[in-house]
């Protein structure tokens, strides 16, 4: 009878030991990852992502739709050719290298409109064109493969306006990085602008 009781006790100990769940060791103090979108931080300092997400911190959606267009709410003028064949654009200006710039915008060769004019600005100034001073044609909606043409001109009050240059941009998924900014340029004339807005789906 004693032998039977001893075997029964040993069996309970072994069974209890076999069914005990290992404790989960939390990630170390040196782990600085923050899991997103419901991801769970594992003990090896990585994220266990839920269905529909991937990436180091579960930041990427695998079910997100691709955008079908971009809605431009403003255009930032960044840089342009500094001189006209070695001569300043505004020879009579009191500010060296300054221009009085405005934009003419076309979408698929159809005129969208002309922006307001900045007065006596130089490269490095924050030149943002948007709905202001009577301008009402923003936002400008572009679908994929639409072509946007932007001409930069320098207003002259006594002579014909100078055509500083233009650029042509075709909207494609190559522009998509999730942000609301698209850089466009005509490198041959050092003309660079930034389209600001939102992607549409």
C-alpha atoms as a PDB file:
ATOM      1  CA  UNK A   1       0.000   0.000   0.000  1.00  0.00           C
ATOM      2  CA  UNK A   2       2.853   2.400   0.830  1.00  0.00           C
ATOM      3  CA  UNK A   3       4.541   1.544  -2.464  1.00  0.00           C
ATOM      4  CA  UNK A   4       1.331   2.419  -4.344  1.00  0.00           C
ATOM      5  CA  UNK A   5       1.004   5.777  -2.551  1.00  0.00           C
ATOM      6  CA  UNK A   6       4.636   6.657  -3.312  1.00  0.00           C
ATOM      7  CA  UNK A   7       4.161   5.901  -7.000  1.00  0.00           C
ATOM      8  CA  UNK A   8       0.975   7.973  -7.037  1.00  0.00           C
ATOM      9  CA  UNK A   9       2.774  10.977  -5.497  1.00  0.00           C
ATOM     10  CA  UNK A  10       5.680  10.691  -7.948  1.00  0.00           C
ATOM     11  CA  UNK A  11       3.225  10.512 -10.838  1.00  0.00           C
ATOM     12  CA  UNK A  12       1.464  13.681  -9.713  1.00  0.00           C
ATOM     13  CA  UNK A  13       4.804  15.520  -9.401  1.00  0.00           C
ATOM     14  CA  UNK A  14       5.919  14.435 -12.870  1.00  0.00           C
ATOM     15  CA  UNK A  15       2.536  15.311 -14.422  1.00  0.00           C
ATOM     16  CA  UNK A  16       2.446  18.712 -12.747  1.00  0.00           C
ATOM     17  CA  UNK A  17       6.003  19.468 -13.837  1.00  0.00           C
ATOM     18  CA  UNK A  18       5.295  18.462 -17.463  1.00  0.00           C
ATOM     19  CA  UNK A  19       2.194  20.692 -17.642  1.00  0.00           C
ATOM     20  CA  UNK A  20       3.823  23.804 -16.204  1.00  0.00           C
ATOM     21  CA  UNK A  21       4.057  26.581 -18.855  1.00  0.00           C
ATOM     22  CA  UNK A  22       7.436  28.271 -19.317  1.00  0.00           C
ATOM     23  CA  UNK A  23       7.448  31.906 -18.271  1.00  0.00           C
ATOM     24  CA  UNK A  24       7.828  34.411 -21.122  1.00  0.00           C
ATOM     25  CA  UNK A  25      10.887  36.539 -20.627  1.00  0.00           C
ATOM     26  CA  UNK A  26      10.138  40.145 -21.630  1.00  0.00           C
ATOM     27  CA  UNK A  27      12.373  41.951 -24.104  1.00  0.00           C
ATOM     28  CA  UNK A  28      15.479  43.415 -22.536  1.00  0.00           C
ATOM     29  CA  UNK A  29      15.867  47.011 -21.400  1.00  0.00           C
ATOM     30  CA  UNK A  30      17.950  47.746 -24.515  1.00  0.00           C
ATOM     31  CA  UNK A  31      14.982  47.033 -26.804  1.00  0.00           C
ATOM     32  CA  UNK A  32      13.620  50.342 -28.099  1.00  0.00           C
ATOM     33  CA  UNK A  33      11.158  49.024 -30.702  1.00  0.00           C
ATOM     34  CA  UNK A  34       7.548  50.131 -30.502  1.00  0.00           C
ATOM     35  CA  UNK A  35       5.203  47.803 -32.383  1.00  0.00           C
ATOM     36  CA  UNK A  36       2.419  49.478 -34.359  1.00  0.00           C
ATOM     37  CA  UNK A  37      -1.030  48.405 -35.538  1.00  0.00           C
ATOM     38  CA  UNK A  38      -1.541  45.847 -32.784  1.00  0.00           C
ATOM     39  CA  UNK A  39       1.847  44.151 -33.140  1.00  0.00           C
ATOM     40  CA  UNK A  40       3.212  42.303 -30.096  1.00  0.00           C
ATOM     41  CA  UNK A  41       6.785  42.772 -28.866  1.00  0.00           C
ATOM     42  CA  UNK A  42       8.543  39.388 -28.550  1.00  0.00           C
ATOM     43  CA  UNK A  43      11.344  38.402 -26.220  1.00  0.00           C
ATOM     44  CA  UNK A  44      13.931  38.630 -29.021  1.00  0.00           C
ATOM     45  CA  UNK A  45      13.087  42.359 -29.495  1.00  0.00           C
ATOM     46  CA  UNK A  46      11.052  41.969 -32.686  1.00  0.00           C
ATOM     47  CA  UNK A  47       7.405  42.522 -33.521  1.00  0.00           C
ATOM     48  CA  UNK A  48       4.878  39.759 -34.113  1.00  0.00           C
ATOM     49  CA  UNK A  49       2.528  41.454 -36.593  1.00  0.00           C
ATOM     50  CA  UNK A  50      -1.200  40.780 -36.919  1.00  0.00           C
ATOM     51  CA  UNK A  51      -2.689  39.749 -40.265  1.00  0.00           C
ATOM     52  CA  UNK A  52      -2.649  42.586 -42.783  1.00  0.00           C
ATOM     53  CA  UNK A  53       0.562  44.226 -41.546  1.00  0.00           C
ATOM     54  CA  UNK A  54       4.298  43.644 -41.899  1.00  0.00           C
ATOM     55  CA  UNK A  55       7.617  45.427 -41.478  1.00  0.00           C
ATOM     56  CA  UNK A  56      10.041  45.744 -38.548  1.00  0.00           C
ATOM     57  CA  UNK A  57       7.416  47.548 -36.437  1.00  0.00           C
ATOM     58  CA  UNK A  58       4.284  46.319 -38.298  1.00  0.00           C
ATOM     59  CA  UNK A  59       4.120  49.739 -39.945  1.00  0.00           C
ATOM     60  CA  UNK A  60       3.231  48.507 -43.448  1.00  0.00           C
ATOM     61  CA  UNK A  61      -0.290  47.597 -44.465  1.00  0.00           C
ATOM     62  CA  UNK A  62      -0.412  44.686 -46.882  1.00  0.00           C
ATOM     63  CA  UNK A  63      -4.027  45.423 -47.771  1.00  0.00           C
ATOM     64  CA  UNK A  64      -3.694  49.165 -48.487  1.00  0.00           C
ATOM     65  CA  UNK A  65      -5.036  50.270 -51.838  1.00  0.00           C
ATOM     66  CA  UNK A  66      -2.731  51.885 -54.341  1.00  0.00           C
ATOM     67  CA  UNK A  67      -3.492  55.559 -54.940  1.00  0.00           C
ATOM     68  CA  UNK A  68      -5.245  56.594 -58.132  1.00  0.00           C
ATOM     69  CA  UNK A  69      -4.380  60.280 -58.051  1.00  0.00           C
ATOM     70  CA  UNK A  70      -2.927  63.278 -56.251  1.00  0.00           C
ATOM     71  CA  UNK A  71      -4.680  66.490 -55.218  1.00  0.00           C
ATOM     72  CA  UNK A  72      -2.367  69.517 -55.267  1.00  0.00           C
ATOM     73  CA  UNK A  73      -3.200  72.120 -52.634  1.00  0.00           C
ATOM     74  CA  UNK A  74      -0.076  74.267 -53.082  1.00  0.00           C
ATOM     75  CA  UNK A  75       3.152  74.515 -55.104  1.00  0.00           C
ATOM     76  CA  UNK A  76       6.480  75.548 -53.587  1.00  0.00           C
ATOM     77  CA  UNK A  77       9.072  77.173 -55.850  1.00  0.00           C
ATOM     78  CA  UNK A  78      12.521  76.077 -54.668  1.00  0.00           C
ATOM     79  CA  UNK A  79      15.151  77.025 -57.253  1.00  0.00           C
ATOM     80  CA  UNK A  80      15.616  78.405 -60.768  1.00  0.00           C
ATOM     81  CA  UNK A  81      18.325  79.471 -63.215  1.00  0.00           C
ATOM     82  CA  UNK A  82      20.112  82.316 -61.400  1.00  0.00           C
ATOM     83  CA  UNK A  83      20.784  84.435 -64.467  1.00  0.00           C
ATOM     84  CA  UNK A  84      19.679  85.015 -68.042  1.00  0.00           C
ATOM     85  CA  UNK A  85      22.750  84.208 -70.105  1.00  0.00           C
ATOM     86  CA  UNK A  86      24.999  85.759 -67.484  1.00  0.00           C
ATOM     87  CA  UNK A  87      22.752  88.796 -67.028  1.00  0.00           C
ATOM     88  CA  UNK A  88      20.372  89.271 -64.083  1.00  0.00           C
ATOM     89  CA  UNK A  89      16.695  88.649 -64.741  1.00  0.00           C
ATOM     90  CA  UNK A  90      15.818  91.997 -63.188  1.00  0.00           C
ATOM     91  CA  UNK A  91      18.612  94.362 -64.160  1.00  0.00           C
ATOM     92  CA  UNK A  92      16.851  97.343 -62.571  1.00  0.00           C
ATOM     93  CA  UNK A  93      16.169  95.686 -59.208  1.00  0.00           C
ATOM     94  CA  UNK A  94      17.836  97.035 -56.097  1.00  0.00           C
ATOM     95  CA  UNK A  95      18.158  93.460 -54.805  1.00  0.00           C
ATOM     96  CA  UNK A  96      20.882  91.505 -56.666  1.00  0.00           C
ATOM     97  CA  UNK A  97      19.630  88.239 -58.159  1.00  0.00           C
ATOM     98  CA  UNK A  98      15.980  88.934 -57.346  1.00  0.00           C
ATOM     99  CA  UNK A  99      12.993  88.165 -59.554  1.00  0.00           C
ATOM    100  CA  UNK A 100       9.239  88.786 -59.493  1.00  0.00           C
ATOM    101  CA  UNK A 101       8.047  85.216 -60.115  1.00  0.00           C
ATOM    102  CA  UNK A 102       4.650  83.806 -60.990  1.00  0.00           C
ATOM    103  CA  UNK A 103       3.520  80.443 -62.360  1.00  0.00           C
ATOM    104  CA  UNK A 104       1.360  79.469 -65.317  1.00  0.00           C
ATOM    105  CA  UNK A 105      -0.100  75.988 -64.793  1.00  0.00           C
ATOM    106  CA  UNK A 106      -1.540  73.572 -67.346  1.00  0.00           C
ATOM    107  CA  UNK A 107      -3.023  70.109 -66.854  1.00  0.00           C
ATOM    108  CA  UNK A 108      -3.000  67.847 -69.911  1.00  0.00           C
ATOM    109  CA  UNK A 109      -2.306  70.956 -72.025  1.00  0.00           C
ATOM    110  CA  UNK A 110      -5.433  72.728 -70.727  1.00  0.00           C
ATOM    111  CA  UNK A 111      -4.855  75.994 -68.858  1.00  0.00           C
ATOM    112  CA  UNK A 112      -5.546  75.738 -65.127  1.00  0.00           C
ATOM    113  CA  UNK A 113      -4.588  79.288 -64.230  1.00  0.00           C
ATOM    114  CA  UNK A 114      -1.936  81.830 -63.336  1.00  0.00           C
ATOM    115  CA  UNK A 115      -0.745  82.386 -59.778  1.00  0.00           C
ATOM    116  CA  UNK A 116      -0.126  85.641 -57.951  1.00  0.00           C
ATOM    117  CA  UNK A 117       3.300  87.297 -58.255  1.00  0.00           C
ATOM    118  CA  UNK A 118       5.941  87.558 -55.567  1.00  0.00           C
ATOM    119  CA  UNK A 119       7.911  90.800 -55.539  1.00  0.00           C
ATOM    120  CA  UNK A 120      11.728  90.992 -55.453  1.00  0.00           C
ATOM    121  CA  UNK A 121      12.479  87.540 -54.051  1.00  0.00           C
ATOM    122  CA  UNK A 122      15.708  85.560 -54.151  1.00  0.00           C
ATOM    123  CA  UNK A 123      16.601  81.885 -53.997  1.00  0.00           C
ATOM    124  CA  UNK A 124      16.160  80.552 -50.483  1.00  0.00           C
ATOM    125  CA  UNK A 125      12.963  82.516 -49.825  1.00  0.00           C
ATOM    126  CA  UNK A 126       9.955  80.350 -48.977  1.00  0.00           C
ATOM    127  CA  UNK A 127       7.802  80.815 -52.084  1.00  0.00           C
ATOM    128  CA  UNK A 128       4.495  79.011 -51.724  1.00  0.00           C
ATOM    129  CA  UNK A 129       1.654  79.358 -54.240  1.00  0.00           C
ATOM    130  CA  UNK A 130      -1.864  78.499 -53.046  1.00  0.00           C
ATOM    131  CA  UNK A 131      -5.389  79.959 -52.946  1.00  0.00           C
ATOM    132  CA  UNK A 132      -4.657  83.547 -51.989  1.00  0.00           C
ATOM    133  CA  UNK A 133      -4.885  87.035 -53.515  1.00  0.00           C
ATOM    134  CA  UNK A 134      -7.792  86.074 -55.756  1.00  0.00           C
ATOM    135  CA  UNK A 135      -6.458  82.644 -56.741  1.00  0.00           C
ATOM    136  CA  UNK A 136      -9.181  79.965 -56.483  1.00  0.00           C
ATOM    137  CA  UNK A 137      -8.120  77.074 -58.731  1.00  0.00           C
ATOM    138  CA  UNK A 138      -6.431  74.983 -56.023  1.00  0.00           C
ATOM    139  CA  UNK A 139      -6.744  72.103 -55.330  1.00  0.00           C
ATOM    140  CA  UNK A 140      -5.669  70.724 -58.688  1.00  0.00           C
ATOM    141  CA  UNK A 141      -6.610  67.062 -59.071  1.00  0.00           C
ATOM    142  CA  UNK A 142      -4.276  64.777 -61.037  1.00  0.00           C
ATOM    143  CA  UNK A 143      -5.075  61.203 -61.987  1.00  0.00           C
ATOM    144  CA  UNK A 144      -2.301  58.706 -62.674  1.00  0.00           C
ATOM    145  CA  UNK A 145      -0.634  59.441 -66.048  1.00  0.00           C
ATOM    146  CA  UNK A 146      -1.953  63.022 -66.111  1.00  0.00           C
ATOM    147  CA  UNK A 147       0.625  65.575 -67.253  1.00  0.00           C
ATOM    148  CA  UNK A 148       1.225  68.774 -65.313  1.00  0.00           C
ATOM    149  CA  UNK A 149       3.119  71.618 -66.985  1.00  0.00           C
ATOM    150  CA  UNK A 150       4.353  74.566 -64.928  1.00  0.00           C
ATOM    151  CA  UNK A 151       5.950  77.657 -66.475  1.00  0.00           C
ATOM    152  CA  UNK A 152       7.972  80.069 -64.341  1.00  0.00           C
ATOM    153  CA  UNK A 153       7.931  83.707 -65.468  1.00  0.00           C
ATOM    154  CA  UNK A 154       9.487  86.891 -64.148  1.00  0.00           C
ATOM    155  CA  UNK A 155       7.144  89.857 -64.266  1.00  0.00           C
ATOM    156  CA  UNK A 156       8.582  93.033 -65.789  1.00  0.00           C
ATOM    157  CA  UNK A 157       6.551  96.203 -65.551  1.00  0.00           C
ATOM    158  CA  UNK A 158       8.087  98.007 -68.527  1.00  0.00           C
ATOM    159  CA  UNK A 159       9.307  95.097 -70.703  1.00  0.00           C
ATOM    160  CA  UNK A 160       7.812  91.747 -71.731  1.00  0.00           C
ATOM    161  CA  UNK A 161       7.879  89.212 -68.903  1.00  0.00           C
ATOM    162  CA  UNK A 162      10.889  86.897 -68.876  1.00  0.00           C
ATOM    163  CA  UNK A 163      10.225  83.205 -69.503  1.00  0.00           C
ATOM    164  CA  UNK A 164      12.633  81.647 -67.004  1.00  0.00           C
ATOM    165  CA  UNK A 165      11.650  78.082 -67.896  1.00  0.00           C
ATOM    166  CA  UNK A 166       9.186  75.276 -67.402  1.00  0.00           C
ATOM    167  CA  UNK A 167       8.868  71.690 -66.346  1.00  0.00           C
ATOM    168  CA  UNK A 168       6.645  68.756 -67.255  1.00  0.00           C
ATOM    169  CA  UNK A 169       5.595  66.121 -64.725  1.00  0.00           C
ATOM    170  CA  UNK A 170       3.620  62.913 -65.346  1.00  0.00           C
ATOM    171  CA  UNK A 171       1.985  61.485 -62.228  1.00  0.00           C
ATOM    172  CA  UNK A 172       2.860  57.841 -61.566  1.00  0.00           C
ATOM    173  CA  UNK A 173       3.068  55.387 -58.669  1.00  0.00           C
ATOM    174  CA  UNK A 174       6.833  55.971 -58.690  1.00  0.00           C
ATOM    175  CA  UNK A 175       6.033  59.278 -56.964  1.00  0.00           C
ATOM    176  CA  UNK A 176       4.193  57.546 -54.130  1.00  0.00           C
ATOM    177  CA  UNK A 177       6.024  57.320 -50.817  1.00  0.00           C
ATOM    178  CA  UNK A 178       3.063  57.823 -48.504  1.00  0.00           C
ATOM    179  CA  UNK A 179       3.813  61.505 -47.937  1.00  0.00           C
ATOM    180  CA  UNK A 180       1.975  64.510 -49.332  1.00  0.00           C
ATOM    181  CA  UNK A 181       5.000  65.857 -51.189  1.00  0.00           C
ATOM    182  CA  UNK A 182       6.207  65.305 -54.754  1.00  0.00           C
ATOM    183  CA  UNK A 183       9.472  66.832 -55.943  1.00  0.00           C
ATOM    184  CA  UNK A 184       9.490  67.899 -59.607  1.00  0.00           C
ATOM    185  CA  UNK A 185      12.351  69.429 -61.550  1.00  0.00           C
ATOM    186  CA  UNK A 186      13.913  70.375 -64.837  1.00  0.00           C
ATOM    187  CA  UNK A 187      17.566  69.822 -63.986  1.00  0.00           C
ATOM    188  CA  UNK A 188      18.827  71.320 -67.244  1.00  0.00           C
ATOM    189  CA  UNK A 189      17.693  74.801 -66.135  1.00  0.00           C
ATOM    190  CA  UNK A 190      18.023  74.238 -62.373  1.00  0.00           C
ATOM    191  CA  UNK A 191      14.262  74.571 -61.955  1.00  0.00           C
ATOM    192  CA  UNK A 192      12.880  72.729 -58.931  1.00  0.00           C
ATOM    193  CA  UNK A 193       9.447  72.781 -57.308  1.00  0.00           C
ATOM    194  CA  UNK A 194       7.488  70.786 -54.744  1.00  0.00           C
ATOM    195  CA  UNK A 195       3.869  69.734 -55.124  1.00  0.00           C
ATOM    196  CA  UNK A 196       2.044  69.671 -51.773  1.00  0.00           C
ATOM    197  CA  UNK A 197      -1.242  67.854 -51.280  1.00  0.00           C
ATOM    198  CA  UNK A 198      -2.849  64.482 -50.609  1.00  0.00           C
ATOM    199  CA  UNK A 199      -3.046  61.170 -52.441  1.00  0.00           C
ATOM    200  CA  UNK A 200      -6.499  59.981 -53.485  1.00  0.00           C
ATOM    201  CA  UNK A 201      -7.726  56.375 -53.624  1.00  0.00           C
END
